[in-house]
């Protein structure tokens, strides 16, 4: 379980960094084929649409995950966290996310994400 927690902690850091830096290549490695994301605007996007939106220039900076909680349920993990970031006009904002990960053939893949922003 400790090894799984370490792997998931790193994957969580990779996920947040990939959002901040529009790293489509890393997301292609860690997203399951059936991945879906609920965006802050209420839209639901599939893996292809998520990768397309990730490729667009990021309008926030300093994105950080805080108060990260990882819960393991066998081959499923749920990660909850609070985020802080700055908008293009310099305002500090917060949000939350919940990501669901599934272990497939020994590899953890993100299958779902839900993001809110303040």
PDB file of N, CA and C in Angstrom:
ATOM      1  N   UNK A   1       0.822  -1.203   0.000  1.00  0.00           N
ATOM      2  CA  UNK A   1       0.000   0.000   0.000  1.00  0.00           C
ATOM      3  C   UNK A   1       0.859   1.257   0.000  1.00  0.00           C
ATOM      4  N   UNK A   2       1.991   1.230   0.730  1.00  0.00           N
ATOM      5  CA  UNK A   2       2.883   2.390   0.765  1.00  0.00           C
ATOM      6  C   UNK A   2       3.410   2.699  -0.626  1.00  0.00           C
ATOM      7  N   UNK A   3       3.761   1.652  -1.376  1.00  0.00           N
ATOM      8  CA  UNK A   3       4.248   1.867  -2.745  1.00  0.00           C
ATOM      9  C   UNK A   3       3.169   2.503  -3.617  1.00  0.00           C
ATOM     10  N   UNK A   4       1.926   2.011  -3.484  1.00  0.00           N
ATOM     11  CA  UNK A   4       0.822   2.597  -4.251  1.00  0.00           C
ATOM     12  C   UNK A   4       0.624   4.065  -3.894  1.00  0.00           C
ATOM     13  N   UNK A   5       0.699   4.390  -2.632  1.00  0.00           N
ATOM     14  CA  UNK A   5       0.550   5.790  -2.213  1.00  0.00           C
ATOM     15  C   UNK A   5       1.634   6.668  -2.811  1.00  0.00           C
ATOM     16  N   UNK A   6       2.868   6.177  -2.803  1.00  0.00           N
ATOM     17  CA  UNK A   6       3.969   6.953  -3.397  1.00  0.00           C
ATOM     18  C   UNK A   6       3.748   7.154  -4.892  1.00  0.00           C
ATOM     19  N   UNK A   7       3.336   6.111  -5.581  1.00  0.00           N
ATOM     20  CA  UNK A   7       3.077   6.210  -7.021  1.00  0.00           C
ATOM     21  C   UNK A   7       1.952   7.203  -7.285  1.00  0.00           C
ATOM     22  N   UNK A   8       0.873   7.108  -6.521  1.00  0.00           N
ATOM     23  CA  UNK A   8      -0.262   8.007  -6.708  1.00  0.00           C
ATOM     24  C   UNK A   8       0.077   9.451  -6.345  1.00  0.00           C
ATOM     25  N   UNK A   9       0.907   9.651  -5.332  1.00  0.00           N
ATOM     26  CA  UNK A   9       1.356  11.008  -5.005  1.00  0.00           C
ATOM     27  C   UNK A   9       2.113  11.609  -6.181  1.00  0.00           C
ATOM     28  N   UNK A  10       2.995  10.813  -6.805  1.00  0.00           N
ATOM     29  CA  UNK A  10       3.754  11.310  -7.963  1.00  0.00           C
ATOM     30  C   UNK A  10       2.827  11.546  -9.152  1.00  0.00           C
ATOM     31  N   UNK A  11       1.906  10.635  -9.396  1.00  0.00           N
ATOM     32  CA  UNK A  11       0.957  10.822 -10.495  1.00  0.00           C
ATOM     33  C   UNK A  11       0.114  12.073 -10.284  1.00  0.00           C
ATOM     34  N   UNK A  12      -0.273  12.336  -9.048  1.00  0.00           N
ATOM     35  CA  UNK A  12      -1.024  13.552  -8.744  1.00  0.00           C
ATOM     36  C   UNK A  12      -0.191  14.794  -9.056  1.00  0.00           C
ATOM     37  N   UNK A  13       1.081  14.778  -8.648  1.00  0.00           N
ATOM     38  CA  UNK A  13       1.964  15.918  -8.971  1.00  0.00           C
ATOM     39  C   UNK A  13       2.111  16.071 -10.485  1.00  0.00           C
ATOM     40  N   UNK A  14       2.260  14.940 -11.193  1.00  0.00           N
ATOM     41  CA  UNK A  14       2.378  14.973 -12.657  1.00  0.00           C
ATOM     42  C   UNK A  14       1.114  15.553 -13.291  1.00  0.00           C
ATOM     43  N   UNK A  15      -0.035  15.151 -12.779  1.00  0.00           N
ATOM     44  CA  UNK A  15      -1.311  15.618 -13.319  1.00  0.00           C
ATOM     45  C   UNK A  15      -1.416  17.143 -13.196  1.00  0.00           C
ATOM     46  N   UNK A  16      -1.149  17.654 -11.998  1.00  0.00           N
ATOM     47  CA  UNK A  16      -1.236  19.101 -11.759  1.00  0.00           C
ATOM     48  C   UNK A  16      -0.224  19.848 -12.627  1.00  0.00           C
ATOM     49  N   UNK A  17       1.000  19.342 -12.701  1.00  0.00           N
ATOM     50  CA  UNK A  17       2.027  19.978 -13.536  1.00  0.00           C
ATOM     51  C   UNK A  17       1.629  19.939 -15.010  1.00  0.00           C
ATOM     52  N   UNK A  18       0.998  18.863 -15.429  1.00  0.00           N
ATOM     53  CA  UNK A  18       0.579  18.746 -16.828  1.00  0.00           C
ATOM     54  C   UNK A  18      -0.520  19.741 -17.164  1.00  0.00           C
ATOM     55  N   UNK A  19      -1.413  20.003 -16.212  1.00  0.00           N
ATOM     56  CA  UNK A  19      -2.422  21.045 -16.415  1.00  0.00           C
ATOM     57  C   UNK A  19      -1.724  22.394 -16.556  1.00  0.00           C
ATOM     58  N   UNK A  20      -0.815  22.701 -15.638  1.00  0.00           N
ATOM     59  CA  UNK A  20      -0.151  24.005 -15.622  1.00  0.00           C
ATOM     60  C   UNK A  20       0.683  24.243 -16.878  1.00  0.00           C
ATOM     61  N   UNK A  21       1.276  23.177 -17.417  1.00  0.00           N
ATOM     62  CA  UNK A  21       2.211  23.340 -18.535  1.00  0.00           C
ATOM     63  C   UNK A  21       1.685  22.796 -19.866  1.00  0.00           C
ATOM     64  N   UNK A  22       0.393  22.534 -19.935  1.00  0.00           N
ATOM     65  CA  UNK A  22      -0.229  22.030 -21.171  1.00  0.00           C
ATOM     66  C   UNK A  22       0.502  20.800 -21.716  1.00  0.00           C
ATOM     67  N   UNK A  23       0.834  19.876 -20.833  1.00  0.00           N
ATOM     68  CA  UNK A  23       1.634  18.703 -21.192  1.00  0.00           C
ATOM     69  C   UNK A  23       0.737  17.559 -21.685  1.00  0.00           C
ATOM     70  N   UNK A  24       0.336  17.655 -22.934  1.00  0.00           N
ATOM     71  CA  UNK A  24      -0.526  16.655 -23.551  1.00  0.00           C
ATOM     72  C   UNK A  24       0.172  15.296 -23.571  1.00  0.00           C
ATOM     73  N   UNK A  25       1.453  15.283 -23.834  1.00  0.00           N
ATOM     74  CA  UNK A  25       2.198  14.023 -23.911  1.00  0.00           C
ATOM     75  C   UNK A  25       2.111  13.236 -22.604  1.00  0.00           C
ATOM     76  N   UNK A  26       2.273  13.908 -21.473  1.00  0.00           N
ATOM     77  CA  UNK A  26       2.188  13.209 -20.192  1.00  0.00           C
ATOM     78  C   UNK A  26       0.768  12.717 -19.943  1.00  0.00           C
ATOM     79  N   UNK A  27      -0.236  13.541 -20.286  1.00  0.00           N
ATOM     80  CA  UNK A  27      -1.613  13.103 -20.117  1.00  0.00           C
ATOM     81  C   UNK A  27      -1.918  11.884 -20.985  1.00  0.00           C
ATOM     82  N   UNK A  28      -1.359  11.818 -22.173  1.00  0.00           N
ATOM     83  CA  UNK A  28      -1.583  10.648 -23.027  1.00  0.00           C
ATOM     84  C   UNK A  28      -1.091   9.374 -22.344  1.00  0.00           C
ATOM     85  N   UNK A  29      -0.102   9.493 -21.485  1.00  0.00           N
ATOM     86  CA  UNK A  29       0.454   8.343 -20.774  1.00  0.00           C
ATOM     87  C   UNK A  29      -0.380   7.941 -19.562  1.00  0.00           C
ATOM     88  N   UNK A  30      -1.028   8.896 -18.901  1.00  0.00           N
ATOM     89  CA  UNK A  30      -1.657   8.596 -17.611  1.00  0.00           C
ATOM     90  C   UNK A  30      -3.183   8.599 -17.627  1.00  0.00           C
ATOM     91  N   UNK A  31      -3.802   8.907 -18.763  1.00  0.00           N
ATOM     92  CA  UNK A  31      -5.263   8.886 -18.850  1.00  0.00           C
ATOM     93  C   UNK A  31      -5.738   7.578 -19.474  1.00  0.00           C
ATOM     94  N   UNK A  32      -6.733   6.959 -18.857  1.00  0.00           N
ATOM     95  CA  UNK A  32      -7.351   5.759 -19.420  1.00  0.00           C
ATOM     96  C   UNK A  32      -8.116   6.130 -20.690  1.00  0.00           C
ATOM     97  N   UNK A  33      -8.330   5.159 -21.543  1.00  0.00           N
ATOM     98  CA  UNK A  33      -9.057   5.393 -22.797  1.00  0.00           C
ATOM     99  C   UNK A  33     -10.463   5.927 -22.532  1.00  0.00           C
ATOM    100  N   UNK A  34     -11.084   5.495 -21.435  1.00  0.00           N
ATOM    101  CA  UNK A  34     -12.450   5.909 -21.129  1.00  0.00           C
ATOM    102  C   UNK A  34     -12.521   7.089 -20.160  1.00  0.00           C
ATOM    103  N   UNK A  35     -11.440   7.843 -20.029  1.00  0.00           N
ATOM    104  CA  UNK A  35     -11.373   9.007 -19.133  1.00  0.00           C
ATOM    105  C   UNK A  35     -12.440  10.044 -19.492  1.00  0.00           C
ATOM    106  N   UNK A  36     -13.046  10.613 -18.451  1.00  0.00           N
ATOM    107  CA  UNK A  36     -13.959  11.746 -18.584  1.00  0.00           C
ATOM    108  C   UNK A  36     -13.613  12.790 -17.524  1.00  0.00           C
ATOM    109  N   UNK A  37     -13.840  14.061 -17.858  1.00  0.00           N
ATOM    110  CA  UNK A  37     -13.593  15.149 -16.923  1.00  0.00           C
ATOM    111  C   UNK A  37     -14.805  16.074 -16.875  1.00  0.00           C
ATOM    112  N   UNK A  38     -15.261  16.359 -15.650  1.00  0.00           N
ATOM    113  CA  UNK A  38     -16.279  17.391 -15.432  1.00  0.00           C
ATOM    114  C   UNK A  38     -15.531  18.699 -15.203  1.00  0.00           C
ATOM    115  N   UNK A  39     -15.675  19.633 -16.125  1.00  0.00           N
ATOM    116  CA  UNK A  39     -14.979  20.912 -16.067  1.00  0.00           C
ATOM    117  C   UNK A  39     -15.680  21.892 -15.124  1.00  0.00           C
ATOM    118  N   UNK A  40     -14.958  22.935 -14.710  1.00  0.00           N
ATOM    119  CA  UNK A  40     -15.561  23.948 -13.829  1.00  0.00           C
ATOM    120  C   UNK A  40     -16.795  24.627 -14.415  1.00  0.00           C
ATOM    121  N   UNK A  41     -16.901  24.684 -15.742  1.00  0.00           N
ATOM    122  CA  UNK A  41     -18.067  25.323 -16.364  1.00  0.00           C
ATOM    123  C   UNK A  41     -19.270  24.383 -16.465  1.00  0.00           C
ATOM    124  N   UNK A  42     -19.117  23.155 -15.951  1.00  0.00           N
ATOM    125  CA  UNK A  42     -20.204  22.192 -15.974  1.00  0.00           C
ATOM    126  C   UNK A  42     -20.195  21.255 -17.159  1.00  0.00           C
ATOM    127  N   UNK A  43     -19.297  21.474 -18.108  1.00  0.00           N
ATOM    128  CA  UNK A  43     -19.239  20.589 -19.270  1.00  0.00           C
ATOM    129  C   UNK A  43     -18.551  19.271 -18.905  1.00  0.00           C
ATOM    130  N   UNK A  44     -18.912  18.231 -19.618  1.00  0.00           N
ATOM    131  CA  UNK A  44     -18.304  16.916 -19.459  1.00  0.00           C
ATOM    132  C   UNK A  44     -17.565  16.595 -20.742  1.00  0.00           C
ATOM    133  N   UNK A  45     -16.259  16.346 -20.637  1.00  0.00           N
ATOM    134  CA  UNK A  45     -15.453  16.073 -21.828  1.00  0.00           C
ATOM    135  C   UNK A  45     -14.821  14.693 -21.727  1.00  0.00           C
ATOM    136  N   UNK A  46     -14.688  14.044 -22.882  1.00  0.00           N
ATOM    137  CA  UNK A  46     -14.026  12.748 -22.917  1.00  0.00           C
ATOM    138  C   UNK A  46     -12.517  12.946 -23.056  1.00  0.00           C
ATOM    139  N   UNK A  47     -11.794  11.877 -23.152  1.00  0.00           N
ATOM    140  CA  UNK A  47     -10.327  11.928 -23.200  1.00  0.00           C
ATOM    141  C   UNK A  47      -9.837  12.816 -24.349  1.00  0.00           C
ATOM    142  N   UNK A  48     -10.382  12.601 -25.552  1.00  0.00           N
ATOM    143  CA  UNK A  48      -9.945  13.371 -26.722  1.00  0.00           C
ATOM    144  C   UNK A  48     -10.184  14.861 -26.512  1.00  0.00           C
ATOM    145  N   UNK A  49     -11.365  15.208 -26.034  1.00  0.00           N
ATOM    146  CA  UNK A  49     -11.688  16.620 -25.802  1.00  0.00           C
ATOM    147  C   UNK A  49     -10.820  17.212 -24.689  1.00  0.00           C
ATOM    148  N   UNK A  50     -10.543  16.416 -23.663  1.00  0.00           N
ATOM    149  CA  UNK A  50      -9.680  16.881 -22.572  1.00  0.00           C
ATOM    150  C   UNK A  50      -8.270  17.170 -23.090  1.00  0.00           C
ATOM    151  N   UNK A  51      -7.745  16.282 -23.924  1.00  0.00           N
ATOM    152  CA  UNK A  51      -6.409  16.512 -24.486  1.00  0.00           C
ATOM    153  C   UNK A  51      -6.399  17.756 -25.371  1.00  0.00           C
ATOM    154  N   UNK A  52      -7.467  17.984 -26.123  1.00  0.00           N
ATOM    155  CA  UNK A  52      -7.564  19.190 -26.955  1.00  0.00           C
ATOM    156  C   UNK A  52      -7.583  20.447 -26.092  1.00  0.00           C
ATOM    157  N   UNK A  53      -8.353  20.437 -25.001  1.00  0.00           N
ATOM    158  CA  UNK A  53      -8.389  21.630 -24.148  1.00  0.00           C
ATOM    159  C   UNK A  53      -7.068  21.801 -23.412  1.00  0.00           C
ATOM    160  N   UNK A  54      -6.382  20.717 -23.098  1.00  0.00           N
ATOM    161  CA  UNK A  54      -5.078  20.800 -22.434  1.00  0.00           C
ATOM    162  C   UNK A  54      -4.042  21.438 -23.349  1.00  0.00           C
ATOM    163  N   UNK A  55      -4.150  21.209 -24.639  1.00  0.00           N
ATOM    164  CA  UNK A  55      -3.183  21.751 -25.600  1.00  0.00           C
ATOM    165  C   UNK A  55      -3.292  23.267 -25.749  1.00  0.00           C
ATOM    166  N   UNK A  56      -4.414  23.839 -25.360  1.00  0.00           N
ATOM    167  CA  UNK A  56      -4.585  25.296 -25.462  1.00  0.00           C
ATOM    168  C   UNK A  56      -3.734  25.998 -24.409  1.00  0.00           C
ATOM    169  N   UNK A  57      -3.296  27.228 -24.698  1.00  0.00           N
ATOM    170  CA  UNK A  57      -2.493  27.972 -23.716  1.00  0.00           C
ATOM    171  C   UNK A  57      -3.229  28.135 -22.383  1.00  0.00           C
ATOM    172  N   UNK A  58      -2.508  27.978 -21.309  1.00  0.00           N
ATOM    173  CA  UNK A  58      -3.060  28.073 -19.956  1.00  0.00           C
ATOM    174  C   UNK A  58      -3.182  29.547 -19.569  1.00  0.00           C
ATOM    175  N   UNK A  59      -4.285  29.898 -18.928  1.00  0.00           N
ATOM    176  CA  UNK A  59      -4.500  31.289 -18.520  1.00  0.00           C
ATOM    177  C   UNK A  59      -4.268  31.503 -17.027  1.00  0.00           C
ATOM    178  N   UNK A  60      -3.928  30.424 -16.307  1.00  0.00           N
ATOM    179  CA  UNK A  60      -3.642  30.549 -14.877  1.00  0.00           C
ATOM    180  C   UNK A  60      -2.169  30.253 -14.638  1.00  0.00           C
ATOM    181  N   UNK A  61      -1.656  30.732 -13.497  1.00  0.00           N
ATOM    182  CA  UNK A  61      -0.264  30.455 -13.133  1.00  0.00           C
ATOM    183  C   UNK A  61      -0.197  30.044 -11.668  1.00  0.00           C
ATOM    184  N   UNK A  62       0.919  29.472 -11.297  1.00  0.00           N
ATOM    185  CA  UNK A  62       1.140  29.103  -9.907  1.00  0.00           C
ATOM    186  C   UNK A  62       0.184  28.048  -9.384  1.00  0.00           C
ATOM    187  N   UNK A  63      -0.303  27.185 -10.252  1.00  0.00           N
ATOM    188  CA  UNK A  63      -1.253  26.154  -9.842  1.00  0.00           C
ATOM    189  C   UNK A  63      -0.595  25.195  -8.848  1.00  0.00           C
ATOM    190  N   UNK A  64      -1.213  25.066  -7.679  1.00  0.00           N
ATOM    191  CA  UNK A  64      -0.693  24.167  -6.644  1.00  0.00           C
ATOM    192  C   UNK A  64      -1.822  23.350  -6.054  1.00  0.00           C
ATOM    193  N   UNK A  65      -1.508  22.096  -5.738  1.00  0.00           N
ATOM    194  CA  UNK A  65      -2.450  21.230  -5.025  1.00  0.00           C
ATOM    195  C   UNK A  65      -2.105  21.277  -3.545  1.00  0.00           C
ATOM    196  N   UNK A  66      -3.126  21.405  -2.723  1.00  0.00           N
ATOM    197  CA  UNK A  66      -2.939  21.457  -1.271  1.00  0.00           C
ATOM    198  C   UNK A  66      -3.937  20.525  -0.608  1.00  0.00           C
ATOM    199  N   UNK A  67      -3.628  20.159   0.625  1.00  0.00           N
ATOM    200  CA  UNK A  67      -4.529  19.293   1.399  1.00  0.00           C
ATOM    201  C   UNK A  67      -4.920  18.049   0.607  1.00  0.00           C
ATOM    202  N   UNK A  68      -3.929  17.416  -0.011  1.00  0.00           N
ATOM    203  CA  UNK A  68      -4.164  16.232  -0.845  1.00  0.00           C
ATOM    204  C   UNK A  68      -4.520  15.038   0.040  1.00  0.00           C
ATOM    205  N   UNK A  69      -5.623  14.382  -0.307  1.00  0.00           N
ATOM    206  CA  UNK A  69      -6.053  13.173   0.399  1.00  0.00           C
ATOM    207  C   UNK A  69      -6.185  12.062  -0.632  1.00  0.00           C
ATOM    208  N   UNK A  70      -5.470  10.971  -0.397  1.00  0.00           N
ATOM    209  CA  UNK A  70      -5.515   9.821  -1.299  1.00  0.00           C
ATOM    210  C   UNK A  70      -6.153   8.661  -0.546  1.00  0.00           C
ATOM    211  N   UNK A  71      -7.218   8.113  -1.141  1.00  0.00           N
ATOM    212  CA  UNK A  71      -7.894   6.969  -0.534  1.00  0.00           C
ATOM    213  C   UNK A  71      -7.811   5.789  -1.494  1.00  0.00           C
ATOM    214  N   UNK A  72      -7.382   4.644  -0.962  1.00  0.00           N
ATOM    215  CA  UNK A  72      -7.224   3.429  -1.762  1.00  0.00           C
ATOM    216  C   UNK A  72      -8.336   2.434  -1.460  1.00  0.00           C
ATOM    217  N   UNK A  73      -8.890   1.868  -2.525  1.00  0.00           N
ATOM    218  CA  UNK A  73      -9.923   0.851  -2.421  1.00  0.00           C
ATOM    219  C   UNK A  73      -9.549  -0.276  -3.381  1.00  0.00           C
ATOM    220  N   UNK A  74      -8.547  -1.062  -3.018  1.00  0.00           N
ATOM    221  CA  UNK A  74      -8.082  -2.131  -3.901  1.00  0.00           C
ATOM    222  C   UNK A  74      -7.434  -1.562  -5.149  1.00  0.00           C
ATOM    223  N   UNK A  75      -8.066  -1.812  -6.300  1.00  0.00           N
ATOM    224  CA  UNK A  75      -7.521  -1.335  -7.571  1.00  0.00           C
ATOM    225  C   UNK A  75      -8.091   0.010  -8.006  1.00  0.00           C
ATOM    226  N   UNK A  76      -8.710   0.724  -7.060  1.00  0.00           N
ATOM    227  CA  UNK A  76      -9.258   2.057  -7.325  1.00  0.00           C
ATOM    228  C   UNK A  76      -8.724   3.017  -6.270  1.00  0.00           C
ATOM    229  N   UNK A  77      -8.389   4.214  -6.690  1.00  0.00           N
ATOM    230  CA  UNK A  77      -7.943   5.262  -5.763  1.00  0.00           C
ATOM    231  C   UNK A  77      -8.698   6.540  -6.095  1.00  0.00           C
ATOM    232  N   UNK A  78      -9.027   7.279  -5.040  1.00  0.00           N
ATOM    233  CA  UNK A  78      -9.681   8.578  -5.204  1.00  0.00           C
ATOM    234  C   UNK A  78      -8.774   9.623  -4.561  1.00  0.00           C
ATOM    235  N   UNK A  79      -8.480  10.671  -5.319  1.00  0.00           N
ATOM    236  CA  UNK A  79      -7.631  11.754  -4.828  1.00  0.00           C
ATOM    237  C   UNK A  79      -8.472  13.028  -4.758  1.00  0.00           C
ATOM    238  N   UNK A  80      -8.501  13.620  -3.572  1.00  0.00           N
ATOM    239  CA  UNK A  80      -9.185  14.904  -3.347  1.00  0.00           C
ATOM    240  C   UNK A  80      -8.113  15.931  -3.024  1.00  0.00           C
ATOM    241  N   UNK A  81      -8.276  17.144  -3.515  1.00  0.00           N
ATOM    242  CA  UNK A  81      -7.326  18.203  -3.168  1.00  0.00           C
ATOM    243  C   UNK A  81      -7.963  19.569  -3.385  1.00  0.00           C
ATOM    244  N   UNK A  82      -7.371  20.532  -2.719  1.00  0.00           N
ATOM    245  CA  UNK A  82      -7.724  21.944  -2.893  1.00  0.00           C
ATOM    246  C   UNK A  82      -6.643  22.543  -3.778  1.00  0.00           C
ATOM    247  N   UNK A  83      -7.014  23.478  -4.618  1.00  0.00           N
ATOM    248  CA  UNK A  83      -6.023  24.143  -5.473  1.00  0.00           C
ATOM    249  C   UNK A  83      -5.976  25.629  -5.187  1.00  0.00           C
ATOM    250  N   UNK A  84      -4.823  26.203  -5.438  1.00  0.00           N
ATOM    251  CA  UNK A  84      -4.656  27.654  -5.454  1.00  0.00           C
ATOM    252  C   UNK A  84      -3.968  27.996  -6.766  1.00  0.00           C
ATOM    253  N   UNK A  85      -4.291  29.174  -7.296  1.00  0.00           N
ATOM    254  CA  UNK A  85      -3.706  29.609  -8.560  1.00  0.00           C
ATOM    255  C   UNK A  85      -3.945  31.100  -8.729  1.00  0.00           C
ATOM    256  N   UNK A  86      -3.246  31.693  -9.699  1.00  0.00           N
ATOM    257  CA  UNK A  86      -3.451  33.103 -10.040  1.00  0.00           C
ATOM    258  C   UNK A  86      -4.056  33.188 -11.435  1.00  0.00           C
ATOM    259  N   UNK A  87      -5.003  34.103 -11.573  1.00  0.00           N
ATOM    260  CA  UNK A  87      -5.615  34.343 -12.876  1.00  0.00           C
ATOM    261  C   UNK A  87      -4.702  35.263 -13.700  1.00  0.00           C
ATOM    262  N   UNK A  88      -5.054  35.444 -14.957  1.00  0.00           N
ATOM    263  CA  UNK A  88      -4.251  36.287 -15.842  1.00  0.00           C
ATOM    264  C   UNK A  88      -4.125  37.710 -15.310  1.00  0.00           C
ATOM    265  N   UNK A  89      -5.141  38.193 -14.568  1.00  0.00           N
ATOM    266  CA  UNK A  89      -5.074  39.554 -14.024  1.00  0.00           C
ATOM    267  C   UNK A  89      -4.421  39.603 -12.639  1.00  0.00           C
ATOM    268  N   UNK A  90      -3.876  38.461 -12.188  1.00  0.00           N
ATOM    269  CA  UNK A  90      -3.126  38.444 -10.933  1.00  0.00           C
ATOM    270  C   UNK A  90      -3.925  38.121  -9.690  1.00  0.00           C
ATOM    271  N   UNK A  91      -5.222  37.878  -9.832  1.00  0.00           N
ATOM    272  CA  UNK A  91      -6.055  37.549  -8.668  1.00  0.00           C
ATOM    273  C   UNK A  91      -5.761  36.122  -8.195  1.00  0.00           C
ATOM    274  N   UNK A  92      -5.698  35.941  -6.890  1.00  0.00           N
ATOM    275  CA  UNK A  92      -5.505  34.608  -6.321  1.00  0.00           C
ATOM    276  C   UNK A  92      -6.862  33.945  -6.157  1.00  0.00           C
ATOM    277  N   UNK A  93      -6.956  32.717  -6.654  1.00  0.00           N
ATOM    278  CA  UNK A  93      -8.212  31.959  -6.612  1.00  0.00           C
ATOM    279  C   UNK A  93      -7.960  30.578  -6.018  1.00  0.00           C
ATOM    280  N   UNK A  94      -9.053  29.917  -5.681  1.00  0.00           N
ATOM    281  CA  UNK A  94      -8.968  28.553  -5.160  1.00  0.00           C
ATOM    282  C   UNK A  94      -9.959  27.672  -5.902  1.00  0.00           C
ATOM    283  N   UNK A  95      -9.780  26.390  -5.755  1.00  0.00           N
ATOM    284  CA  UNK A  95     -10.686  25.421  -6.349  1.00  0.00           C
ATOM    285  C   UNK A  95     -10.509  24.077  -5.663  1.00  0.00           C
ATOM    286  N   UNK A  96     -11.155  23.065  -6.204  1.00  0.00           N
ATOM    287  CA  UNK A  96     -11.017  21.700  -5.699  1.00  0.00           C
ATOM    288  C   UNK A  96     -11.041  20.757  -6.884  1.00  0.00           C
ATOM    289  N   UNK A  97     -10.486  19.576  -6.677  1.00  0.00           N
ATOM    290  CA  UNK A  97     -10.641  18.520  -7.669  1.00  0.00           C
ATOM    291  C   UNK A  97     -10.726  17.171  -6.984  1.00  0.00           C
ATOM    292  N   UNK A  98     -11.380  16.263  -7.668  1.00  0.00           N
ATOM    293  CA  UNK A  98     -11.435  14.867  -7.272  1.00  0.00           C
ATOM    294  C   UNK A  98     -11.092  14.055  -8.508  1.00  0.00           C
ATOM    295  N   UNK A  99     -10.056  13.243  -8.403  1.00  0.00           N
ATOM    296  CA  UNK A  99      -9.639  12.371  -9.496  1.00  0.00           C
ATOM    297  C   UNK A  99      -9.809  10.927  -9.070  1.00  0.00           C
ATOM    298  N   UNK A 100     -10.269  10.101  -9.988  1.00  0.00           N
ATOM    299  CA  UNK A 100     -10.408   8.670  -9.733  1.00  0.00           C
ATOM    300  C   UNK A 100      -9.401   7.944 -10.614  1.00  0.00           C
ATOM    301  N   UNK A 101      -8.642   7.050  -9.989  1.00  0.00           N
ATOM    302  CA  UNK A 101      -7.606   6.277 -10.664  1.00  0.00           C
ATOM    303  C   UNK A 101      -7.943   4.797 -10.560  1.00  0.00           C
ATOM    304  N   UNK A 102      -7.629   4.032 -11.600  1.00  0.00           N
ATOM    305  CA  UNK A 102      -7.826   2.582 -11.589  1.00  0.00           C
ATOM    306  C   UNK A 102      -6.503   1.909 -11.955  1.00  0.00           C
ATOM    307  N   UNK A 103      -6.186   0.838 -11.218  1.00  0.00           N
ATOM    308  CA  UNK A 103      -4.966   0.086 -11.525  1.00  0.00           C
ATOM    309  C   UNK A 103      -5.319  -0.972 -12.564  1.00  0.00           C
ATOM    310  N   UNK A 104      -4.601  -0.904 -13.687  1.00  0.00           N
ATOM    311  CA  UNK A 104      -4.807  -1.845 -14.784  1.00  0.00           C
ATOM    312  C   UNK A 104      -3.477  -2.508 -15.113  1.00  0.00           C
ATOM    313  N   UNK A 105      -3.428  -3.820 -14.977  1.00  0.00           N
ATOM    314  CA  UNK A 105      -2.195  -4.573 -15.250  1.00  0.00           C
ATOM    315  C   UNK A 105      -1.008  -3.946 -14.539  1.00  0.00           C
ATOM    316  N   UNK A 106      -1.227  -3.522 -13.293  1.00  0.00           N
ATOM    317  CA  UNK A 106      -0.152  -2.975 -12.472  1.00  0.00           C
ATOM    318  C   UNK A 106       0.133  -1.497 -12.672  1.00  0.00           C
ATOM    319  N   UNK A 107      -0.597  -0.837 -13.570  1.00  0.00           N
ATOM    320  CA  UNK A 107      -0.367   0.581 -13.862  1.00  0.00           C
ATOM    321  C   UNK A 107      -1.594   1.395 -13.454  1.00  0.00           C
ATOM    322  N   UNK A 108      -1.357   2.492 -12.744  1.00  0.00           N
ATOM    323  CA  UNK A 108      -2.441   3.390 -12.351  1.00  0.00           C
ATOM    324  C   UNK A 108      -2.765   4.339 -13.500  1.00  0.00           C
ATOM    325  N   UNK A 109      -4.047   4.440 -13.863  1.00  0.00           N
ATOM    326  CA  UNK A 109      -4.505   5.347 -14.910  1.00  0.00           C
ATOM    327  C   UNK A 109      -5.675   6.172 -14.393  1.00  0.00           C
ATOM    328  N   UNK A 110      -5.710   7.438 -14.757  1.00  0.00           N
ATOM    329  CA  UNK A 110      -6.821   8.309 -14.382  1.00  0.00           C
ATOM    330  C   UNK A 110      -8.028   7.948 -15.231  1.00  0.00           C
ATOM    331  N   UNK A 111      -9.174   7.707 -14.579  1.00  0.00           N
ATOM    332  CA  UNK A 111     -10.392   7.372 -15.311  1.00  0.00           C
ATOM    333  C   UNK A 111     -11.447   8.472 -15.226  1.00  0.00           C
ATOM    334  N   UNK A 112     -11.296   9.360 -14.228  1.00  0.00           N
ATOM    335  CA  UNK A 112     -12.297  10.411 -14.058  1.00  0.00           C
ATOM    336  C   UNK A 112     -11.703  11.580 -13.292  1.00  0.00           C
ATOM    337  N   UNK A 113     -12.182  12.780 -13.626  1.00  0.00           N
ATOM    338  CA  UNK A 113     -11.775  13.995 -12.902  1.00  0.00           C
ATOM    339  C   UNK A 113     -12.977  14.911 -12.767  1.00  0.00           C
ATOM    340  N   UNK A 114     -13.035  15.619 -11.664  1.00  0.00           N
ATOM    341  CA  UNK A 114     -14.079  16.623 -11.447  1.00  0.00           C
ATOM    342  C   UNK A 114     -13.383  17.847 -10.869  1.00  0.00           C
ATOM    343  N   UNK A 115     -13.526  18.987 -11.536  1.00  0.00           N
ATOM    344  CA  UNK A 115     -12.783  20.201 -11.171  1.00  0.00           C
ATOM    345  C   UNK A 115     -13.758  21.344 -10.893  1.00  0.00           C
ATOM    346  N   UNK A 116     -13.497  22.068  -9.803  1.00  0.00           N
ATOM    347  CA  UNK A 116     -14.242  23.291  -9.519  1.00  0.00           C
ATOM    348  C   UNK A 116     -13.237  24.422  -9.329  1.00  0.00           C
ATOM    349  N   UNK A 117     -13.666  25.620  -9.628  1.00  0.00           N
ATOM    350  CA  UNK A 117     -12.829  26.807  -9.428  1.00  0.00           C
ATOM    351  C   UNK A 117     -13.660  27.913  -8.839  1.00  0.00           C
ATOM    352  N   UNK A 118     -13.002  28.696  -7.944  1.00  0.00           N
ATOM    353  CA  UNK A 118     -13.693  29.825  -7.319  1.00  0.00           C
ATOM    354  C   UNK A 118     -13.479  31.107  -8.059  1.00  0.00           C
TER     355      UNK A 118
END
